[in-house]
PDB file of N, CA and C in Angstrom:
ATOM      1  N   UNK A   1      82.413  12.271 134.545  1.00  0.00           N
ATOM      2  CA  UNK A   1      82.238  13.578 134.332  1.00  0.00           C
ATOM      3  C   UNK A   1      81.110  13.711 135.829  1.00  0.00           C
ATOM      4  N   UNK A   2      81.726  14.395 136.450  1.00  0.00           N
ATOM      5  CA  UNK A   2      80.782  15.306 138.041  1.00  0.00           C
ATOM      6  C   UNK A   2      80.035  16.100 137.305  1.00  0.00           C
ATOM      7  N   UNK A   3      79.209  16.641 137.942  1.00  0.00           N
ATOM      8  CA  UNK A   3      78.090  17.825 137.385  1.00  0.00           C
ATOM      9  C   UNK A   3      78.941  19.377 137.596  1.00  0.00           C
ATOM     10  N   UNK A   4      79.564  19.509 138.533  1.00  0.00           N
ATOM     11  CA  UNK A   4      80.120  19.856 138.874  1.00  0.00           C
ATOM     12  C   UNK A   4      81.580  20.935 137.808  1.00  0.00           C
ATOM     13  N   UNK A   5      82.115  19.305 137.333  1.00  0.00           N
ATOM     14  CA  UNK A   5      82.978  19.786 136.528  1.00  0.00           C
ATOM     15  C   UNK A   5      82.207  20.162 134.520  1.00  0.00           C
ATOM     16  N   UNK A   6      81.476  19.629 134.434  1.00  0.00           N
ATOM     17  CA  UNK A   6      80.613  19.695 133.185  1.00  0.00           C
ATOM     18  C   UNK A   6      80.630  20.662 133.546  1.00  0.00           C
ATOM     19  N   UNK A   7      79.244  21.447 134.383  1.00  0.00           N
ATOM     20  CA  UNK A   7      78.664  22.897 134.557  1.00  0.00           C
ATOM     21  C   UNK A   7      79.853  24.220 134.282  1.00  0.00           C
ATOM     22  N   UNK A   8      81.228  24.114 135.296  1.00  0.00           N
ATOM     23  CA  UNK A   8      82.556  25.076 135.225  1.00  0.00           C
ATOM     24  C   UNK A   8      82.740  24.529 133.458  1.00  0.00           C
ATOM     25  N   UNK A   9      83.228  23.945 133.242  1.00  0.00           N
ATOM     26  CA  UNK A   9      83.169  23.734 131.380  1.00  0.00           C
ATOM     27  C   UNK A   9      82.355  24.692 130.485  1.00  0.00           C
ATOM     28  N   UNK A  10      81.622  23.684 130.888  1.00  0.00           N
ATOM     29  CA  UNK A  10      79.607  24.888 129.966  1.00  0.00           C
ATOM     30  C   UNK A  10      80.333  26.692 130.308  1.00  0.00           C
ATOM     31  N   UNK A  11      80.556  26.623 131.262  1.00  0.00           N
ATOM     32  CA  UNK A  11      80.284  28.205 131.289  1.00  0.00           C
ATOM     33  C   UNK A  11      81.760  28.314 131.138  1.00  0.00           C
ATOM     34  N   UNK A  12      82.689  28.473 131.642  1.00  0.00           N
ATOM     35  CA  UNK A  12      84.407  28.866 130.489  1.00  0.00           C
ATOM     36  C   UNK A  12      84.213  28.592 129.042  1.00  0.00           C
ATOM     37  N   UNK A  13      83.989  27.707 128.214  1.00  0.00           N
ATOM     38  CA  UNK A  13      83.462  27.871 127.064  1.00  0.00           C
ATOM     39  C   UNK A  13      82.405  28.660 127.088  1.00  0.00           C
ATOM     40  N   UNK A  14      81.374  28.554 127.014  1.00  0.00           N
ATOM     41  CA  UNK A  14      80.559  30.260 126.804  1.00  0.00           C
ATOM     42  C   UNK A  14      81.153  31.405 126.992  1.00  0.00           C
ATOM     43  N   UNK A  15      81.749  31.628 128.343  1.00  0.00           N
ATOM     44  CA  UNK A  15      82.873  32.972 128.500  1.00  0.00           C
ATOM     45  C   UNK A  15      84.053  32.834 127.225  1.00  0.00           C
ATOM     46  N   UNK A  16      84.641  32.524 126.799  1.00  0.00           N
ATOM     47  CA  UNK A  16      85.578  32.473 126.093  1.00  0.00           C
ATOM     48  C   UNK A  16      85.217  32.530 125.188  1.00  0.00           C
ATOM     49  N   UNK A  17      83.915  31.868 124.673  1.00  0.00           N
ATOM     50  CA  UNK A  17      83.439  32.451 123.285  1.00  0.00           C
ATOM     51  C   UNK A  17      82.397  34.087 123.229  1.00  0.00           C
ATOM     52  N   UNK A  18      81.543  34.300 124.072  1.00  0.00           N
ATOM     53  CA  UNK A  18      81.809  35.216 124.824  1.00  0.00           C
ATOM     54  C   UNK A  18      83.053  37.106 124.032  1.00  0.00           C
ATOM     55  N   UNK A  19      84.382  35.823 125.263  1.00  0.00           N
ATOM     56  CA  UNK A  19      84.934  37.119 125.265  1.00  0.00           C
ATOM     57  C   UNK A  19      85.674  37.696 124.092  1.00  0.00           C
ATOM     58  N   UNK A  20      85.723  36.320 122.665  1.00  0.00           N
ATOM     59  CA  UNK A  20      86.083  36.298 121.813  1.00  0.00           C
ATOM     60  C   UNK A  20      84.771  37.010 120.620  1.00  0.00           C
ATOM     61  N   UNK A  21      83.916  36.884 121.197  1.00  0.00           N
ATOM     62  CA  UNK A  21      83.308  37.818 120.212  1.00  0.00           C
ATOM     63  C   UNK A  21      83.133  39.242 121.228  1.00  0.00           C
ATOM     64  N   UNK A  22      83.315  39.962 122.234  1.00  0.00           N
ATOM     65  CA  UNK A  22      83.767  41.106 122.394  1.00  0.00           C
ATOM     66  C   UNK A  22      85.605  41.431 121.691  1.00  0.00           C
ATOM     67  N   UNK A  23      86.155  40.743 121.617  1.00  0.00           N
ATOM     68  CA  UNK A  23      87.383  41.115 121.631  1.00  0.00           C
ATOM     69  C   UNK A  23      87.192  42.096 119.848  1.00  0.00           C
ATOM     70  N   UNK A  24      86.535  41.165 118.875  1.00  0.00           N
ATOM     71  CA  UNK A  24      86.526  41.094 117.403  1.00  0.00           C
ATOM     72  C   UNK A  24      85.698  42.261 116.852  1.00  0.00           C
ATOM     73  N   UNK A  25      85.108  42.592 117.822  1.00  0.00           N
ATOM     74  CA  UNK A  25      83.840  43.778 118.102  1.00  0.00           C
ATOM     75  C   UNK A  25      84.945  44.785 118.064  1.00  0.00           C
ATOM     76  N   UNK A  26      85.782  44.874 119.370  1.00  0.00           N
ATOM     77  CA  UNK A  26      86.046  45.549 119.741  1.00  0.00           C
ATOM     78  C   UNK A  26      87.574  46.549 118.672  1.00  0.00           C
ATOM     79  N   UNK A  27      87.837  45.138 118.679  1.00  0.00           N
ATOM     80  CA  UNK A  27      88.715  45.130 117.131  1.00  0.00           C
ATOM     81  C   UNK A  27      87.664  46.137 115.910  1.00  0.00           C
ATOM     82  N   UNK A  28      87.369  46.097 115.765  1.00  0.00           N
ATOM     83  CA  UNK A  28      86.109  46.705 113.875  1.00  0.00           C
ATOM     84  C   UNK A  28      85.513  48.080 114.721  1.00  0.00           C
ATOM     85  N   UNK A  29      85.519  47.834 115.645  1.00  0.00           N
ATOM     86  CA  UNK A  29      85.057  49.957 116.516  1.00  0.00           C
ATOM     87  C   UNK A  29      86.157  50.137 116.515  1.00  0.00           C
ATOM     88  N   UNK A  30      87.357  50.034 116.708  1.00  0.00           N
ATOM     89  CA  UNK A  30      88.704  50.199 116.847  1.00  0.00           C
ATOM     90  C   UNK A  30      89.063  50.840 114.971  1.00  0.00           C
ATOM     91  N   UNK A  31      88.864  49.826 114.051  1.00  0.00           N
ATOM     92  CA  UNK A  31      89.473  50.220 112.991  1.00  0.00           C
ATOM     93  C   UNK A  31      88.060  51.008 112.496  1.00  0.00           C
ATOM     94  N   UNK A  32      86.721  51.183 112.816  1.00  0.00           N
ATOM     95  CA  UNK A  32      86.346  52.336 112.158  1.00  0.00           C
ATOM     96  C   UNK A  32      86.589  53.352 112.859  1.00  0.00           C
ATOM     97  N   UNK A  33      87.099  53.229 114.517  1.00  0.00           N
ATOM     98  CA  UNK A  33      87.610  55.062 114.583  1.00  0.00           C
ATOM     99  C   UNK A  33      88.798  55.412 114.654  1.00  0.00           C
ATOM    100  N   UNK A  34      89.735  54.014 113.909  1.00  0.00           N
ATOM    101  CA  UNK A  34      90.973  54.671 113.072  1.00  0.00           C
ATOM    102  C   UNK A  34      90.699  55.533 112.216  1.00  0.00           C
ATOM    103  N   UNK A  35      89.721  54.995 111.093  1.00  0.00           N
ATOM    104  CA  UNK A  35      89.235  55.606 109.746  1.00  0.00           C
ATOM    105  C   UNK A  35      88.779  56.970 110.244  1.00  0.00           C
ATOM    106  N   UNK A  36      87.837  57.051 110.752  1.00  0.00           N
ATOM    107  CA  UNK A  36      87.835  58.547 111.338  1.00  0.00           C
ATOM    108  C   UNK A  36      88.120  59.366 112.098  1.00  0.00           C
ATOM    109  N   UNK A  37      89.163  59.112 112.481  1.00  0.00           N
ATOM    110  CA  UNK A  37      89.816  60.151 113.063  1.00  0.00           C
ATOM    111  C   UNK A  37      90.928  60.149 111.497  1.00  0.00           C
ATOM    112  N   UNK A  38      91.639  59.320 110.766  1.00  0.00           N
ATOM    113  CA  UNK A  38      91.989  60.063 109.286  1.00  0.00           C
ATOM    114  C   UNK A  38      91.483  60.847 108.276  1.00  0.00           C
ATOM    115  N   UNK A  39      89.883  60.753 107.990  1.00  0.00           N
ATOM    116  CA  UNK A  39      88.323  62.128 108.051  1.00  0.00           C
ATOM    117  C   UNK A  39      88.890  63.002 109.338  1.00  0.00           C
ATOM    118  N   UNK A  40      88.794  63.273 109.629  1.00  0.00           N
ATOM    119  CA  UNK A  40      89.564  64.574 110.423  1.00  0.00           C
ATOM    120  C   UNK A  40      90.060  65.093 110.686  1.00  0.00           C
ATOM    121  N   UNK A  41      91.222  63.865 110.617  1.00  0.00           N
ATOM    122  CA  UNK A  41      92.653  64.643 110.600  1.00  0.00           C
ATOM    123  C   UNK A  41      92.416  65.805 109.420  1.00  0.00           C
ATOM    124  N   UNK A  42      91.778  65.410 107.675  1.00  0.00           N
ATOM    125  CA  UNK A  42      92.089  65.651 106.417  1.00  0.00           C
ATOM    126  C   UNK A  42      91.630  66.798 106.394  1.00  0.00           C
ATOM    127  N   UNK A  43      90.124  67.094 107.616  1.00  0.00           N
ATOM    128  CA  UNK A  43      89.357  68.174 107.463  1.00  0.00           C
ATOM    129  C   UNK A  43      90.048  68.969 108.103  1.00  0.00           C
ATOM    130  N   UNK A  44      90.532  68.449 109.309  1.00  0.00           N
ATOM    131  CA  UNK A  44      91.510  69.921 110.108  1.00  0.00           C
ATOM    132  C   UNK A  44      92.728  70.148 109.029  1.00  0.00           C
ATOM    133  N   UNK A  45      92.979  69.902 108.208  1.00  0.00           N
ATOM    134  CA  UNK A  45      94.455  70.408 106.931  1.00  0.00           C
ATOM    135  C   UNK A  45      93.919  70.718 106.533  1.00  0.00           C
ATOM    136  N   UNK A  46      92.445  70.684 106.090  1.00  0.00           N
ATOM    137  CA  UNK A  46      92.279  71.441 104.893  1.00  0.00           C
ATOM    138  C   UNK A  46      91.277  72.890 105.324  1.00  0.00           C
ATOM    139  N   UNK A  47      90.728  72.644 106.314  1.00  0.00           N
ATOM    140  CA  UNK A  47      90.817  74.056 107.362  1.00  0.00           C
ATOM    141  C   UNK A  47      92.153  74.376 107.550  1.00  0.00           C
ATOM    142  N   UNK A  48      93.153  74.346 107.892  1.00  0.00           N
ATOM    143  CA  UNK A  48      94.307  74.629 107.618  1.00  0.00           C
ATOM    144  C   UNK A  48      94.879  75.425 106.645  1.00  0.00           C
ATOM    145  N   UNK A  49      95.344  75.006 105.244  1.00  0.00           N
ATOM    146  CA  UNK A  49      94.921  75.357 104.286  1.00  0.00           C
ATOM    147  C   UNK A  49      94.074  77.093 104.401  1.00  0.00           C
ATOM    148  N   UNK A  50      92.680  76.757 104.064  1.00  0.00           N
ATOM    149  CA  UNK A  50      92.097  77.800 103.959  1.00  0.00           C
ATOM    150  C   UNK A  50      92.641  78.912 104.712  1.00  0.00           C
ATOM    151  N   UNK A  51      92.223  78.397 106.012  1.00  0.00           N
ATOM    152  CA  UNK A  51      92.699  79.089 107.152  1.00  0.00           C
ATOM    153  C   UNK A  51      94.329  79.890 106.692  1.00  0.00           C
ATOM    154  N   UNK A  52      95.300  79.368 106.108  1.00  0.00           N
ATOM    155  CA  UNK A  52      96.699  79.964 105.180  1.00  0.00           C
ATOM    156  C   UNK A  52      96.568  80.857 104.305  1.00  0.00           C
ATOM    157  N   UNK A  53      95.383  81.121 103.728  1.00  0.00           N
ATOM    158  CA  UNK A  53      94.717  81.279 102.567  1.00  0.00           C
ATOM    159  C   UNK A  53      94.537  82.698 102.665  1.00  0.00           C
ATOM    160  N   UNK A  54      92.822  82.705 103.469  1.00  0.00           N
ATOM    161  CA  UNK A  54      92.263  83.524 104.017  1.00  0.00           C
ATOM    162  C   UNK A  54      93.603  84.367 105.001  1.00  0.00           C
ATOM    163  N   UNK A  55      94.293  84.312 105.595  1.00  0.00           N
ATOM    164  CA  UNK A  55      95.106  84.828 106.138  1.00  0.00           C
ATOM    165  C   UNK A  55      96.849  85.162 104.925  1.00  0.00           C
ATOM    166  N   UNK A  56      96.404  84.947 104.212  1.00  0.00           N
ATOM    167  CA  UNK A  56      98.121  85.226 102.711  1.00  0.00           C
ATOM    168  C   UNK A  56      96.968  87.210 101.981  1.00  0.00           C
ATOM    169  N   UNK A  57      95.340  86.693 102.153  1.00  0.00           N
ATOM    170  CA  UNK A  57      94.915  87.316 100.899  1.00  0.00           C
ATOM    171  C   UNK A  57      94.424  88.707 101.978  1.00  0.00           C
ATOM    172  N   UNK A  58      94.555  88.086 103.237  1.00  0.00           N
ATOM    173  CA  UNK A  58      94.334  89.620 104.206  1.00  0.00           C
ATOM    174  C   UNK A  58      95.212  90.376 104.213  1.00  0.00           C
ATOM    175  N   UNK A  59      96.875  89.826 104.002  1.00  0.00           N
ATOM    176  CA  UNK A  59      97.598  90.180 104.225  1.00  0.00           C
ATOM    177  C   UNK A  59      98.436  91.295 102.846  1.00  0.00           C
ATOM    178  N   UNK A  60      97.589  90.262 101.822  1.00  0.00           N
ATOM    179  CA  UNK A  60      97.863  91.124 100.390  1.00  0.00           C
ATOM    180  C   UNK A  60      96.935  92.666 100.643  1.00  0.00           C
ATOM    181  N   UNK A  61      95.544  92.428 100.876  1.00  0.00           N
ATOM    182  CA  UNK A  61      94.989  93.244 100.876  1.00  0.00           C
ATOM    183  C   UNK A  61      94.747  94.588 102.223  1.00  0.00           C
ATOM    184  N   UNK A  62      95.961  94.607 102.977  1.00  0.00           N
ATOM    185  CA  UNK A  62      96.004  94.909 103.567  1.00  0.00           C
ATOM    186  C   UNK A  62      97.067  96.018 103.030  1.00  0.00           C
ATOM    187  N   UNK A  63      98.089  95.268 102.321  1.00  0.00           N
ATOM    188  CA  UNK A  63      99.361  95.991 101.761  1.00  0.00           C
ATOM    189  C   UNK A  63      98.723  96.634 100.566  1.00  0.00           C
ATOM    190  N   UNK A  64      97.889  96.704  99.951  1.00  0.00           N
ATOM    191  CA  UNK A  64      97.087  97.541  99.164  1.00  0.00           C
ATOM    192  C   UNK A  64      96.446  99.118  99.728  1.00  0.00           C
ATOM    193  N   UNK A  65      95.826  98.382 100.791  1.00  0.00           N
ATOM    194  CA  UNK A  65      95.060  99.167 101.528  1.00  0.00           C
ATOM    195  C   UNK A  65      96.478 100.549 101.900  1.00  0.00           C
ATOM    196  N   UNK A  66      97.421  99.846 102.502  1.00  0.00           N
ATOM    197  CA  UNK A  66      98.393 101.211 103.011  1.00  0.00           C
ATOM    198  C   UNK A  66      98.696 101.486 101.531  1.00  0.00           C
ATOM    199  N   UNK A  67      99.501 100.858 100.449  1.00  0.00           N
ATOM    200  CA  UNK A  67      99.453 101.031  99.859  1.00  0.00           C
ATOM    201  C   UNK A  67      98.302 102.412  99.346  1.00  0.00           C
ATOM    202  N   UNK A  68      97.552 103.038  99.001  1.00  0.00           N
ATOM    203  CA  UNK A  68      96.834 103.927  98.550  1.00  0.00           C
ATOM    204  C   UNK A  68      96.601 104.834  99.559  1.00  0.00           C
ATOM    205  N   UNK A  69      96.347 104.854 101.347  1.00  0.00           N
ATOM    206  CA  UNK A  69      96.664 105.398 101.953  1.00  0.00           C
ATOM    207  C   UNK A  69      98.341 106.165 101.654  1.00  0.00           C
ATOM    208  N   UNK A  70      99.092 105.902 100.927  1.00  0.00           N
ATOM    209  CA  UNK A  70     100.640 106.122 101.162  1.00  0.00           C
ATOM    210  C   UNK A  70     100.025 107.729  99.909  1.00  0.00           C
ATOM    211  N   UNK A  71      99.082 106.795  98.278  1.00  0.00           N
ATOM    212  CA  UNK A  71      99.383 106.832  97.736  1.00  0.00           C
ATOM    213  C   UNK A  71      98.344 107.970  97.665  1.00  0.00           C
ATOM    214  N   UNK A  72      97.433 108.497  98.368  1.00  0.00           N
ATOM    215  CA  UNK A  72      96.288 109.692  99.069  1.00  0.00           C
ATOM    216  C   UNK A  72      97.079 110.487  99.556  1.00  0.00           C
ATOM    217  N   UNK A  73      97.959 110.832 100.473  1.00  0.00           N
ATOM    218  CA  UNK A  73      99.380 111.148 101.371  1.00  0.00           C
ATOM    219  C   UNK A  73      99.542 112.145  99.975  1.00  0.00           C
ATOM    220  N   UNK A  74     100.418 111.154  99.271  1.00  0.00           N
ATOM    221  CA  UNK A  74     101.438 112.354  97.962  1.00  0.00           C
ATOM    222  C   UNK A  74     100.565 112.708  97.838  1.00  0.00           C
ATOM    223  N   UNK A  75      99.351 112.275  96.935  1.00  0.00           N
ATOM    224  CA  UNK A  75      98.581 113.292  96.309  1.00  0.00           C
ATOM    225  C   UNK A  75      98.182 114.928  97.338  1.00  0.00           C
ATOM    226  N   UNK A  76      97.731 115.003  98.822  1.00  0.00           N
ATOM    227  CA  UNK A  76      97.812 115.997  99.505  1.00  0.00           C
ATOM    228  C   UNK A  76      98.777 116.558  99.475  1.00  0.00           C
ATOM    229  N   UNK A  77      99.382 116.650  99.304  1.00  0.00           N
ATOM    230  CA  UNK A  77     101.285 116.722  99.717  1.00  0.00           C
ATOM    231  C   UNK A  77     101.695 117.440  97.818  1.00  0.00           C
ATOM    232  N   UNK A  78     101.164 117.127  97.484  1.00  0.00           N
ATOM    233  CA  UNK A  78     100.918 117.911  96.170  1.00  0.00           C
ATOM    234  C   UNK A  78     100.200 119.366  95.546  1.00  0.00           C
ATOM    235  N   UNK A  79      98.846 118.477  96.425  1.00  0.00           N
ATOM    236  CA  UNK A  79      97.281 119.486  96.415  1.00  0.00           C
ATOM    237  C   UNK A  79      98.468 120.821  97.013  1.00  0.00           C
ATOM    238  N   UNK A  80      99.005 120.203  98.126  1.00  0.00           N
ATOM    239  CA  UNK A  80      99.034 121.709  99.249  1.00  0.00           C
ATOM    240  C   UNK A  80      99.812 122.800  98.845  1.00  0.00           C
ATOM    241  N   UNK A  81     100.892 121.860  97.745  1.00  0.00           N
ATOM    242  CA  UNK A  81     101.850 122.015  97.119  1.00  0.00           C
ATOM    243  C   UNK A  81     101.313 123.084  95.966  1.00  0.00           C
ATOM    244  N   UNK A  82     100.385 122.486  95.552  1.00  0.00           N
ATOM    245  CA  UNK A  82     100.327 123.177  94.413  1.00  0.00           C
ATOM    246  C   UNK A  82      99.306 123.704  94.749  1.00  0.00           C
ATOM    247  N   UNK A  83      98.312 124.652  95.818  1.00  0.00           N
ATOM    248  CA  UNK A  83      98.087 125.481  95.565  1.00  0.00           C
ATOM    249  C   UNK A  83      98.449 126.630  96.272  1.00  0.00           C
ATOM    250  N   UNK A  84      99.832 126.464  97.220  1.00  0.00           N
ATOM    251  CA  UNK A  84     100.288 126.985  97.706  1.00  0.00           C
ATOM    252  C   UNK A  84     100.748 128.382  96.647  1.00  0.00           C
ATOM    253  N   UNK A  85     101.225 127.358  95.850  1.00  0.00           N
ATOM    254  CA  UNK A  85     101.686 127.900  94.350  1.00  0.00           C
ATOM    255  C   UNK A  85     100.581 129.184  93.906  1.00  0.00           C
ATOM    256  N   UNK A  86      99.834 128.917  93.973  1.00  0.00           N
ATOM    257  CA  UNK A  86      98.662 129.502  93.816  1.00  0.00           C
ATOM    258  C   UNK A  86      98.878 131.322  94.052  1.00  0.00           C
TER     259      UNK A  86
END
């Protein structure tokens, strides 16, 4: 074998080994990224559930205050009628 062929074979072998190592590392990084994205998706889903619960609670609270306002309006009307008769 000529020195040029030997050098070319060594360089190609080293390059192939490096590319295989880089490929394996890339696969491992992509797996880690996939796991992280699944966790983030779970956290986002939990926040959506909490947001829906808060929205539902806020709607109930608004309904309660609307009912209380109606009750106070009725009491005020009855008080005016009672004061008007006396």
